[in-house]
PDB file of N, CA and C in Angstrom:
ATOM      1  N   UNK A   1      -3.615  21.548 -16.595  1.00  0.00           N
ATOM      2  CA  UNK A   1      -2.482  22.377 -16.251  1.00  0.00           C
ATOM      3  C   UNK A   1      -1.917  21.884 -14.930  1.00  0.00           C
ATOM      4  N   UNK A   2      -0.670  21.545 -14.935  1.00  0.00           N
ATOM      5  CA  UNK A   2       0.004  21.129 -13.715  1.00  0.00           C
ATOM      6  C   UNK A   2       1.236  22.004 -13.582  1.00  0.00           C
ATOM      7  N   UNK A   3       1.037  23.227 -13.153  1.00  0.00           N
ATOM      8  CA  UNK A   3       2.095  24.231 -13.164  1.00  0.00           C
ATOM      9  C   UNK A   3       3.198  23.953 -12.154  1.00  0.00           C
ATOM     10  N   UNK A   4       2.844  23.413 -10.994  1.00  0.00           N
ATOM     11  CA  UNK A   4       3.815  23.168  -9.926  1.00  0.00           C
ATOM     12  C   UNK A   4       4.630  24.414  -9.610  1.00  0.00           C
ATOM     13  N   UNK A   5       3.956  25.505  -9.523  1.00  0.00           N
ATOM     14  CA  UNK A   5       4.584  26.780  -9.189  1.00  0.00           C
ATOM     15  C   UNK A   5       4.295  27.102  -7.734  1.00  0.00           C
ATOM     16  N   UNK A   6       5.182  27.855  -7.088  1.00  0.00           N
ATOM     17  CA  UNK A   6       4.942  28.198  -5.685  1.00  0.00           C
ATOM     18  C   UNK A   6       3.684  29.054  -5.536  1.00  0.00           C
ATOM     19  N   UNK A   7       2.840  28.675  -4.601  1.00  0.00           N
ATOM     20  CA  UNK A   7       1.575  29.373  -4.401  1.00  0.00           C
ATOM     21  C   UNK A   7       1.792  30.691  -3.672  1.00  0.00           C
ATOM     22  N   UNK A   8       0.931  31.643  -3.969  1.00  0.00           N
ATOM     23  CA  UNK A   8       0.920  32.960  -3.316  1.00  0.00           C
ATOM     24  C   UNK A   8       2.290  33.628  -3.351  1.00  0.00           C
ATOM     25  N   UNK A   9       2.964  33.545  -4.510  1.00  0.00           N
ATOM     26  CA  UNK A   9       4.321  34.093  -4.571  1.00  0.00           C
ATOM     27  C   UNK A   9       4.573  35.015  -5.762  1.00  0.00           C
ATOM     28  N   UNK A  10       3.545  35.310  -6.546  1.00  0.00           N
ATOM     29  CA  UNK A  10       3.731  36.152  -7.725  1.00  0.00           C
ATOM     30  C   UNK A  10       2.955  37.455  -7.573  1.00  0.00           C
ATOM     31  N   UNK A  11       3.575  38.554  -7.972  1.00  0.00           N
ATOM     32  CA  UNK A  11       2.875  39.840  -7.968  1.00  0.00           C
ATOM     33  C   UNK A  11       1.929  39.951  -9.157  1.00  0.00           C
ATOM     34  N   UNK A  12       2.303  39.333 -10.270  1.00  0.00           N
ATOM     35  CA  UNK A  12       1.504  39.429 -11.487  1.00  0.00           C
ATOM     36  C   UNK A  12       1.549  38.102 -12.243  1.00  0.00           C
ATOM     37  N   UNK A  13       0.372  37.621 -12.623  1.00  0.00           N
ATOM     38  CA  UNK A  13       0.239  36.447 -13.489  1.00  0.00           C
ATOM     39  C   UNK A  13      -0.533  36.914 -14.717  1.00  0.00           C
ATOM     40  N   UNK A  14      -0.008  36.654 -15.910  1.00  0.00           N
ATOM     41  CA  UNK A  14      -0.684  37.104 -17.125  1.00  0.00           C
ATOM     42  C   UNK A  14      -1.059  35.922 -18.010  1.00  0.00           C
ATOM     43  N   UNK A  15      -2.191  36.072 -18.680  1.00  0.00           N
ATOM     44  CA  UNK A  15      -2.632  35.113 -19.699  1.00  0.00           C
ATOM     45  C   UNK A  15      -3.207  35.938 -20.841  1.00  0.00           C
ATOM     46  N   UNK A  16      -2.486  35.985 -21.942  1.00  0.00           N
ATOM     47  CA  UNK A  16      -2.940  36.746 -23.097  1.00  0.00           C
ATOM     48  C   UNK A  16      -3.341  35.776 -24.201  1.00  0.00           C
ATOM     49  N   UNK A  17      -4.627  35.800 -24.536  1.00  0.00           N
ATOM     50  CA  UNK A  17      -5.180  34.963 -25.601  1.00  0.00           C
ATOM     51  C   UNK A  17      -4.909  33.482 -25.354  1.00  0.00           C
ATOM     52  N   UNK A  18      -5.082  33.045 -24.097  1.00  0.00           N
ATOM     53  CA  UNK A  18      -4.838  31.654 -23.719  1.00  0.00           C
ATOM     54  C   UNK A  18      -6.086  31.004 -23.120  1.00  0.00           C
ATOM     55  N   UNK A  19      -6.718  31.652 -22.160  1.00  0.00           N
ATOM     56  CA  UNK A  19      -7.775  31.020 -21.369  1.00  0.00           C
ATOM     57  C   UNK A  19      -8.913  30.466 -22.225  1.00  0.00           C
ATOM     58  N   UNK A  20      -9.323  31.184 -23.239  1.00  0.00           N
ATOM     59  CA  UNK A  20     -10.445  30.734 -24.077  1.00  0.00           C
ATOM     60  C   UNK A  20     -10.150  29.420 -24.791  1.00  0.00           C
ATOM     61  N   UNK A  21      -8.882  29.072 -24.933  1.00  0.00           N
ATOM     62  CA  UNK A  21      -8.499  27.870 -25.667  1.00  0.00           C
ATOM     63  C   UNK A  21      -8.170  26.687 -24.756  1.00  0.00           C
ATOM     64  N   UNK A  22      -8.242  26.871 -23.462  1.00  0.00           N
ATOM     65  CA  UNK A  22      -7.965  25.790 -22.517  1.00  0.00           C
ATOM     66  C   UNK A  22      -9.178  24.865 -22.442  1.00  0.00           C
ATOM     67  N   UNK A  23      -8.942  23.566 -22.419  1.00  0.00           N
ATOM     68  CA  UNK A  23     -10.041  22.596 -22.397  1.00  0.00           C
ATOM     69  C   UNK A  23     -10.842  22.674 -21.105  1.00  0.00           C
ATOM     70  N   UNK A  24     -10.182  22.819 -19.982  1.00  0.00           N
ATOM     71  CA  UNK A  24     -10.859  22.869 -18.681  1.00  0.00           C
ATOM     72  C   UNK A  24     -10.587  24.226 -18.031  1.00  0.00           C
ATOM     73  N   UNK A  25     -11.322  25.217 -18.493  1.00  0.00           N
ATOM     74  CA  UNK A  25     -11.106  26.590 -18.035  1.00  0.00           C
ATOM     75  C   UNK A  25     -11.290  26.743 -16.526  1.00  0.00           C
ATOM     76  N   UNK A  26     -12.256  26.044 -15.967  1.00  0.00           N
ATOM     77  CA  UNK A  26     -12.528  26.164 -14.531  1.00  0.00           C
ATOM     78  C   UNK A  26     -11.339  25.677 -13.704  1.00  0.00           C
ATOM     79  N   UNK A  27     -10.732  24.582 -14.101  1.00  0.00           N
ATOM     80  CA  UNK A  27      -9.571  24.066 -13.371  1.00  0.00           C
ATOM     81  C   UNK A  27      -8.382  25.002 -13.515  1.00  0.00           C
ATOM     82  N   UNK A  28      -8.164  25.506 -14.713  1.00  0.00           N
ATOM     83  CA  UNK A  28      -7.070  26.457 -14.932  1.00  0.00           C
ATOM     84  C   UNK A  28      -7.273  27.684 -14.052  1.00  0.00           C
ATOM     85  N   UNK A  29      -8.484  28.230 -14.048  1.00  0.00           N
ATOM     86  CA  UNK A  29      -8.766  29.420 -13.240  1.00  0.00           C
ATOM     87  C   UNK A  29      -8.545  29.146 -11.759  1.00  0.00           C
ATOM     88  N   UNK A  30      -8.944  27.986 -11.290  1.00  0.00           N
ATOM     89  CA  UNK A  30      -8.759  27.633  -9.878  1.00  0.00           C
ATOM     90  C   UNK A  30      -7.274  27.536  -9.536  1.00  0.00           C
ATOM     91  N   UNK A  31      -6.486  26.941 -10.408  1.00  0.00           N
ATOM     92  CA  UNK A  31      -5.055  26.820 -10.148  1.00  0.00           C
ATOM     93  C   UNK A  31      -4.356  28.175 -10.195  1.00  0.00           C
ATOM     94  N   UNK A  32      -4.724  29.004 -11.153  1.00  0.00           N
ATOM     95  CA  UNK A  32      -4.105  30.328 -11.261  1.00  0.00           C
ATOM     96  C   UNK A  32      -4.483  31.194 -10.067  1.00  0.00           C
ATOM     97  N   UNK A  33      -5.685  31.026  -9.564  1.00  0.00           N
ATOM     98  CA  UNK A  33      -6.141  31.847  -8.437  1.00  0.00           C
ATOM     99  C   UNK A  33      -5.212  31.735  -7.233  1.00  0.00           C
ATOM    100  N   UNK A  34      -4.551  30.624  -7.050  1.00  0.00           N
ATOM    101  CA  UNK A  34      -3.651  30.451  -5.921  1.00  0.00           C
ATOM    102  C   UNK A  34      -2.246  30.977  -6.138  1.00  0.00           C
ATOM    103  N   UNK A  35      -1.928  31.455  -7.332  1.00  0.00           N
ATOM    104  CA  UNK A  35      -0.560  31.885  -7.619  1.00  0.00           C
ATOM    105  C   UNK A  35      -0.213  33.296  -7.153  1.00  0.00           C
ATOM    106  N   UNK A  36      -1.084  34.297  -7.331  1.00  0.00           N
ATOM    107  CA  UNK A  36      -0.703  35.644  -6.898  1.00  0.00           C
ATOM    108  C   UNK A  36      -0.589  35.756  -5.377  1.00  0.00           C
ATOM    109  N   UNK A  37       0.402  36.521  -4.952  1.00  0.00           N
ATOM    110  CA  UNK A  37       0.558  36.837  -3.531  1.00  0.00           C
ATOM    111  C   UNK A  37      -0.605  37.727  -3.101  1.00  0.00           C
ATOM    112  N   UNK A  38      -0.830  37.892  -1.804  1.00  0.00           N
ATOM    113  CA  UNK A  38      -1.873  38.823  -1.361  1.00  0.00           C
ATOM    114  C   UNK A  38      -1.664  40.194  -2.014  1.00  0.00           C
ATOM    115  N   UNK A  39      -2.714  40.701  -2.614  1.00  0.00           N
ATOM    116  CA  UNK A  39      -2.631  41.962  -3.340  1.00  0.00           C
ATOM    117  C   UNK A  39      -2.136  41.803  -4.766  1.00  0.00           C
ATOM    118  N   UNK A  40      -1.779  40.575  -5.161  1.00  0.00           N
ATOM    119  CA  UNK A  40      -1.292  40.313  -6.507  1.00  0.00           C
ATOM    120  C   UNK A  40      -2.413  40.360  -7.537  1.00  0.00           C
ATOM    121  N   UNK A  41      -2.028  40.298  -8.802  1.00  0.00           N
ATOM    122  CA  UNK A  41      -2.963  40.503  -9.904  1.00  0.00           C
ATOM    123  C   UNK A  41      -2.885  39.374 -10.920  1.00  0.00           C
ATOM    124  N   UNK A  42      -4.055  38.987 -11.430  1.00  0.00           N
ATOM    125  CA  UNK A  42      -4.141  38.098 -12.592  1.00  0.00           C
ATOM    126  C   UNK A  42      -4.691  38.945 -13.725  1.00  0.00           C
ATOM    127  N   UNK A  43      -3.915  39.101 -14.780  1.00  0.00           N
ATOM    128  CA  UNK A  43      -4.295  39.888 -15.941  1.00  0.00           C
ATOM    129  C   UNK A  43      -4.638  38.924 -17.070  1.00  0.00           C
ATOM    130  N   UNK A  44      -5.894  38.941 -17.500  1.00  0.00           N
ATOM    131  CA  UNK A  44      -6.377  38.017 -18.535  1.00  0.00           C
ATOM    132  C   UNK A  44      -6.870  38.827 -19.726  1.00  0.00           C
ATOM    133  N   UNK A  45      -6.293  38.580 -20.891  1.00  0.00           N
ATOM    134  CA  UNK A  45      -6.774  39.184 -22.128  1.00  0.00           C
ATOM    135  C   UNK A  45      -7.370  38.068 -22.970  1.00  0.00           C
ATOM    136  N   UNK A  46      -8.638  38.232 -23.344  1.00  0.00           N
ATOM    137  CA  UNK A  46      -9.334  37.144 -24.032  1.00  0.00           C
ATOM    138  C   UNK A  46     -10.455  37.679 -24.912  1.00  0.00           C
ATOM    139  N   UNK A  47     -10.785  36.961 -25.983  1.00  0.00           N
ATOM    140  CA  UNK A  47     -11.974  37.315 -26.749  1.00  0.00           C
ATOM    141  C   UNK A  47     -13.236  36.834 -26.026  1.00  0.00           C
ATOM    142  N   UNK A  48     -14.343  37.522 -26.265  1.00  0.00           N
ATOM    143  CA  UNK A  48     -15.635  37.173 -25.658  1.00  0.00           C
ATOM    144  C   UNK A  48     -16.641  36.843 -26.753  1.00  0.00           C
ATOM    145  N   UNK A  49     -17.425  35.801 -26.540  1.00  0.00           N
ATOM    146  CA  UNK A  49     -18.394  35.399 -27.565  1.00  0.00           C
ATOM    147  C   UNK A  49     -19.404  36.496 -27.869  1.00  0.00           C
ATOM    148  N   UNK A  50     -19.830  37.233 -26.846  1.00  0.00           N
ATOM    149  CA  UNK A  50     -20.861  38.248 -27.094  1.00  0.00           C
ATOM    150  C   UNK A  50     -20.324  39.483 -27.814  1.00  0.00           C
ATOM    151  N   UNK A  51     -19.023  39.521 -28.084  1.00  0.00           N
ATOM    152  CA  UNK A  51     -18.433  40.631 -28.829  1.00  0.00           C
ATOM    153  C   UNK A  51     -17.856  40.173 -30.165  1.00  0.00           C
ATOM    154  N   UNK A  52     -18.075  38.901 -30.499  1.00  0.00           N
ATOM    155  CA  UNK A  52     -17.541  38.328 -31.736  1.00  0.00           C
ATOM    156  C   UNK A  52     -18.678  37.963 -32.682  1.00  0.00           C
ATOM    157  N   UNK A  53     -18.398  37.933 -33.993  1.00  0.00           N
ATOM    158  CA  UNK A  53     -19.397  37.414 -34.927  1.00  0.00           C
ATOM    159  C   UNK A  53     -19.686  35.947 -34.608  1.00  0.00           C
ATOM    160  N   UNK A  54     -20.874  35.493 -34.899  1.00  0.00           N
ATOM    161  CA  UNK A  54     -21.290  34.133 -34.535  1.00  0.00           C
ATOM    162  C   UNK A  54     -20.323  33.062 -35.037  1.00  0.00           C
ATOM    163  N   UNK A  55     -19.781  33.237 -36.222  1.00  0.00           N
ATOM    164  CA  UNK A  55     -18.880  32.216 -36.766  1.00  0.00           C
ATOM    165  C   UNK A  55     -17.555  32.122 -36.001  1.00  0.00           C
ATOM    166  N   UNK A  56     -17.292  33.078 -35.118  1.00  0.00           N
ATOM    167  CA  UNK A  56     -16.054  33.058 -34.326  1.00  0.00           C
ATOM    168  C   UNK A  56     -16.312  32.777 -32.845  1.00  0.00           C
ATOM    169  N   UNK A  57     -17.518  32.409 -32.473  1.00  0.00           N
ATOM    170  CA  UNK A  57     -17.837  32.160 -31.060  1.00  0.00           C
ATOM    171  C   UNK A  57     -16.967  31.076 -30.435  1.00  0.00           C
ATOM    172  N   UNK A  58     -16.464  30.149 -31.221  1.00  0.00           N
ATOM    173  CA  UNK A  58     -15.635  29.076 -30.692  1.00  0.00           C
ATOM    174  C   UNK A  58     -14.315  29.542 -30.103  1.00  0.00           C
ATOM    175  N   UNK A  59     -13.902  30.781 -30.386  1.00  0.00           N
ATOM    176  CA  UNK A  59     -12.629  31.273 -29.856  1.00  0.00           C
ATOM    177  C   UNK A  59     -12.816  32.275 -28.723  1.00  0.00           C
ATOM    178  N   UNK A  60     -14.031  32.387 -28.207  1.00  0.00           N
ATOM    179  CA  UNK A  60     -14.275  33.350 -27.137  1.00  0.00           C
ATOM    180  C   UNK A  60     -14.850  32.702 -25.896  1.00  0.00           C
ATOM    181  N   UNK A  61     -14.795  33.430 -24.801  1.00  0.00           N
ATOM    182  CA  UNK A  61     -15.412  32.980 -23.554  1.00  0.00           C
ATOM    183  C   UNK A  61     -16.870  33.413 -23.529  1.00  0.00           C
ATOM    184  N   UNK A  62     -17.723  32.554 -23.018  1.00  0.00           N
ATOM    185  CA  UNK A  62     -19.137  32.884 -22.856  1.00  0.00           C
ATOM    186  C   UNK A  62     -19.314  33.718 -21.587  1.00  0.00           C
ATOM    187  N   UNK A  63     -20.450  34.409 -21.433  1.00  0.00           N
ATOM    188  CA  UNK A  63     -20.700  35.136 -20.186  1.00  0.00           C
ATOM    189  C   UNK A  63     -20.630  34.232 -18.952  1.00  0.00           C
ATOM    190  N   UNK A  64     -21.100  33.000 -19.058  1.00  0.00           N
ATOM    191  CA  UNK A  64     -21.037  32.071 -17.916  1.00  0.00           C
ATOM    192  C   UNK A  64     -19.594  31.729 -17.561  1.00  0.00           C
ATOM    193  N   UNK A  65     -18.744  31.543 -18.569  1.00  0.00           N
ATOM    194  CA  UNK A  65     -17.331  31.255 -18.305  1.00  0.00           C
ATOM    195  C   UNK A  65     -16.642  32.448 -17.655  1.00  0.00           C
ATOM    196  N   UNK A  66     -16.976  33.649 -18.108  1.00  0.00           N
ATOM    197  CA  UNK A  66     -16.409  34.860 -17.497  1.00  0.00           C
ATOM    198  C   UNK A  66     -16.826  34.949 -16.037  1.00  0.00           C
ATOM    199  N   UNK A  67     -18.098  34.731 -15.761  1.00  0.00           N
ATOM    200  CA  UNK A  67     -18.585  34.789 -14.373  1.00  0.00           C
ATOM    201  C   UNK A  67     -17.884  33.754 -13.504  1.00  0.00           C
ATOM    202  N   UNK A  68     -17.631  32.576 -14.057  1.00  0.00           N
ATOM    203  CA  UNK A  68     -16.988  31.508 -13.285  1.00  0.00           C
ATOM    204  C   UNK A  68     -15.555  31.860 -12.917  1.00  0.00           C
ATOM    205  N   UNK A  69     -14.799  32.468 -13.824  1.00  0.00           N
ATOM    206  CA  UNK A  69     -13.404  32.731 -13.487  1.00  0.00           C
ATOM    207  C   UNK A  69     -13.184  34.067 -12.787  1.00  0.00           C
ATOM    208  N   UNK A  70     -14.132  34.985 -12.856  1.00  0.00           N
ATOM    209  CA  UNK A  70     -13.946  36.265 -12.162  1.00  0.00           C
ATOM    210  C   UNK A  70     -14.573  36.291 -10.775  1.00  0.00           C
ATOM    211  N   UNK A  71     -15.530  35.436 -10.517  1.00  0.00           N
ATOM    212  CA  UNK A  71     -16.300  35.494  -9.277  1.00  0.00           C
ATOM    213  C   UNK A  71     -15.531  35.269  -7.997  1.00  0.00           C
ATOM    214  N   UNK A  72     -14.435  34.552  -8.046  1.00  0.00           N
ATOM    215  CA  UNK A  72     -13.696  34.199  -6.826  1.00  0.00           C
ATOM    216  C   UNK A  72     -12.678  35.253  -6.401  1.00  0.00           C
ATOM    217  N   UNK A  73     -12.542  36.315  -7.153  1.00  0.00           N
ATOM    218  CA  UNK A  73     -11.532  37.333  -6.850  1.00  0.00           C
ATOM    219  C   UNK A  73     -12.132  38.442  -6.008  1.00  0.00           C
ATOM    220  N   UNK A  74     -11.333  39.011  -5.116  1.00  0.00           N
ATOM    221  CA  UNK A  74     -11.855  40.034  -4.213  1.00  0.00           C
ATOM    222  C   UNK A  74     -12.147  41.346  -4.938  1.00  0.00           C
ATOM    223  N   UNK A  75     -11.347  41.665  -5.934  1.00  0.00           N
ATOM    224  CA  UNK A  75     -11.558  42.900  -6.697  1.00  0.00           C
ATOM    225  C   UNK A  75     -11.255  42.632  -8.160  1.00  0.00           C
ATOM    226  N   UNK A  76     -11.913  43.362  -9.012  1.00  0.00           N
ATOM    227  CA  UNK A  76     -11.640  43.193 -10.426  1.00  0.00           C
ATOM    228  C   UNK A  76     -12.228  44.307 -11.261  1.00  0.00           C
ATOM    229  N   UNK A  77     -11.651  44.493 -12.423  1.00  0.00           N
ATOM    230  CA  UNK A  77     -12.166  45.455 -13.387  1.00  0.00           C
ATOM    231  C   UNK A  77     -11.871  44.899 -14.775  1.00  0.00           C
ATOM    232  N   UNK A  78     -12.431  45.515 -15.781  1.00  0.00           N
ATOM    233  CA  UNK A  78     -12.189  45.065 -17.139  1.00  0.00           C
ATOM    234  C   UNK A  78     -12.139  46.248 -18.078  1.00  0.00           C
ATOM    235  N   UNK A  79     -11.471  46.031 -19.210  1.00  0.00           N
ATOM    236  CA  UNK A  79     -11.293  47.069 -20.222  1.00  0.00           C
ATOM    237  C   UNK A  79     -11.449  46.432 -21.595  1.00  0.00           C
ATOM    238  N   UNK A  80     -12.242  47.072 -22.451  1.00  0.00           N
ATOM    239  CA  UNK A  80     -12.349  46.617 -23.830  1.00  0.00           C
ATOM    240  C   UNK A  80     -11.156  47.177 -24.595  1.00  0.00           C
ATOM    241  N   UNK A  81     -10.436  46.306 -25.275  1.00  0.00           N
ATOM    242  CA  UNK A  81      -9.196  46.705 -25.927  1.00  0.00           C
ATOM    243  C   UNK A  81      -9.372  47.140 -27.364  1.00  0.00           C
ATOM    244  N   UNK A  82     -10.380  46.617 -28.032  1.00  0.00           N
ATOM    245  CA  UNK A  82     -10.592  46.952 -29.428  1.00  0.00           C
ATOM    246  C   UNK A  82     -12.003  46.535 -29.821  1.00  0.00           C
ATOM    247  N   UNK A  83     -12.489  47.061 -30.933  1.00  0.00           N
ATOM    248  CA  UNK A  83     -13.812  46.648 -31.378  1.00  0.00           C
ATOM    249  C   UNK A  83     -13.867  45.184 -31.816  1.00  0.00           C
ATOM    250  N   UNK A  84     -12.731  44.522 -31.956  1.00  0.00           N
ATOM    251  CA  UNK A  84     -12.679  43.154 -32.462  1.00  0.00           C
ATOM    252  C   UNK A  84     -13.024  42.081 -31.459  1.00  0.00           C
ATOM    253  N   UNK A  85     -13.416  42.424 -30.244  1.00  0.00           N
ATOM    254  CA  UNK A  85     -13.882  41.419 -29.308  1.00  0.00           C
ATOM    255  C   UNK A  85     -12.978  41.099 -28.145  1.00  0.00           C
ATOM    256  N   UNK A  86     -11.832  41.769 -28.015  1.00  0.00           N
ATOM    257  CA  UNK A  86     -10.935  41.474 -26.898  1.00  0.00           C
ATOM    258  C   UNK A  86     -11.293  42.282 -25.658  1.00  0.00           C
ATOM    259  N   UNK A  87     -11.160  41.633 -24.518  1.00  0.00           N
ATOM    260  CA  UNK A  87     -11.371  42.305 -23.238  1.00  0.00           C
ATOM    261  C   UNK A  87     -10.223  41.914 -22.315  1.00  0.00           C
ATOM    262  N   UNK A  88      -9.777  42.869 -21.526  1.00  0.00           N
ATOM    263  CA  UNK A  88      -8.723  42.631 -20.545  1.00  0.00           C
ATOM    264  C   UNK A  88      -9.344  42.693 -19.154  1.00  0.00           C
ATOM    265  N   UNK A  89      -9.178  41.618 -18.386  1.00  0.00           N
ATOM    266  CA  UNK A  89      -9.658  41.549 -17.009  1.00  0.00           C
ATOM    267  C   UNK A  89      -8.467  41.728 -16.078  1.00  0.00           C
ATOM    268  N   UNK A  90      -8.614  42.599 -15.094  1.00  0.00           N
ATOM    269  CA  UNK A  90      -7.589  42.821 -14.080  1.00  0.00           C
ATOM    270  C   UNK A  90      -8.197  42.359 -12.761  1.00  0.00           C
ATOM    271  N   UNK A  91      -7.749  41.199 -12.284  1.00  0.00           N
ATOM    272  CA  UNK A  91      -8.330  40.576 -11.093  1.00  0.00           C
ATOM    273  C   UNK A  91      -7.301  40.602  -9.977  1.00  0.00           C
ATOM    274  N   UNK A  92      -7.711  41.073  -8.808  1.00  0.00           N
ATOM    275  CA  UNK A  92      -6.777  41.227  -7.693  1.00  0.00           C
ATOM    276  C   UNK A  92      -7.127  40.287  -6.546  1.00  0.00           C
ATOM    277  N   UNK A  93      -6.070  39.688  -5.997  1.00  0.00           N
ATOM    278  CA  UNK A  93      -6.236  38.749  -4.884  1.00  0.00           C
ATOM    279  C   UNK A  93      -6.525  39.487  -3.592  1.00  0.00           C
TER     280      UNK A  93
END
């Protein structure tokens, strides 16, 4: 991802059903982390492997991947959206 977007200038950055499909999730998360302004939010909606049937694990984030992209944020919360495996993370800068 080479977004070339102004850093620390967005109130809200959203990724719905995208992060789990990115080849280099850690790099994407690092680049997105610099986009929200102080107090800004990154809203991520994604499937999780531990909430999906085994045959669908390839489309979800693992617990380690979740820990890697949420750990650098000062505040965060999450909400389960449906029994089908989706979770919404609200991460604040």
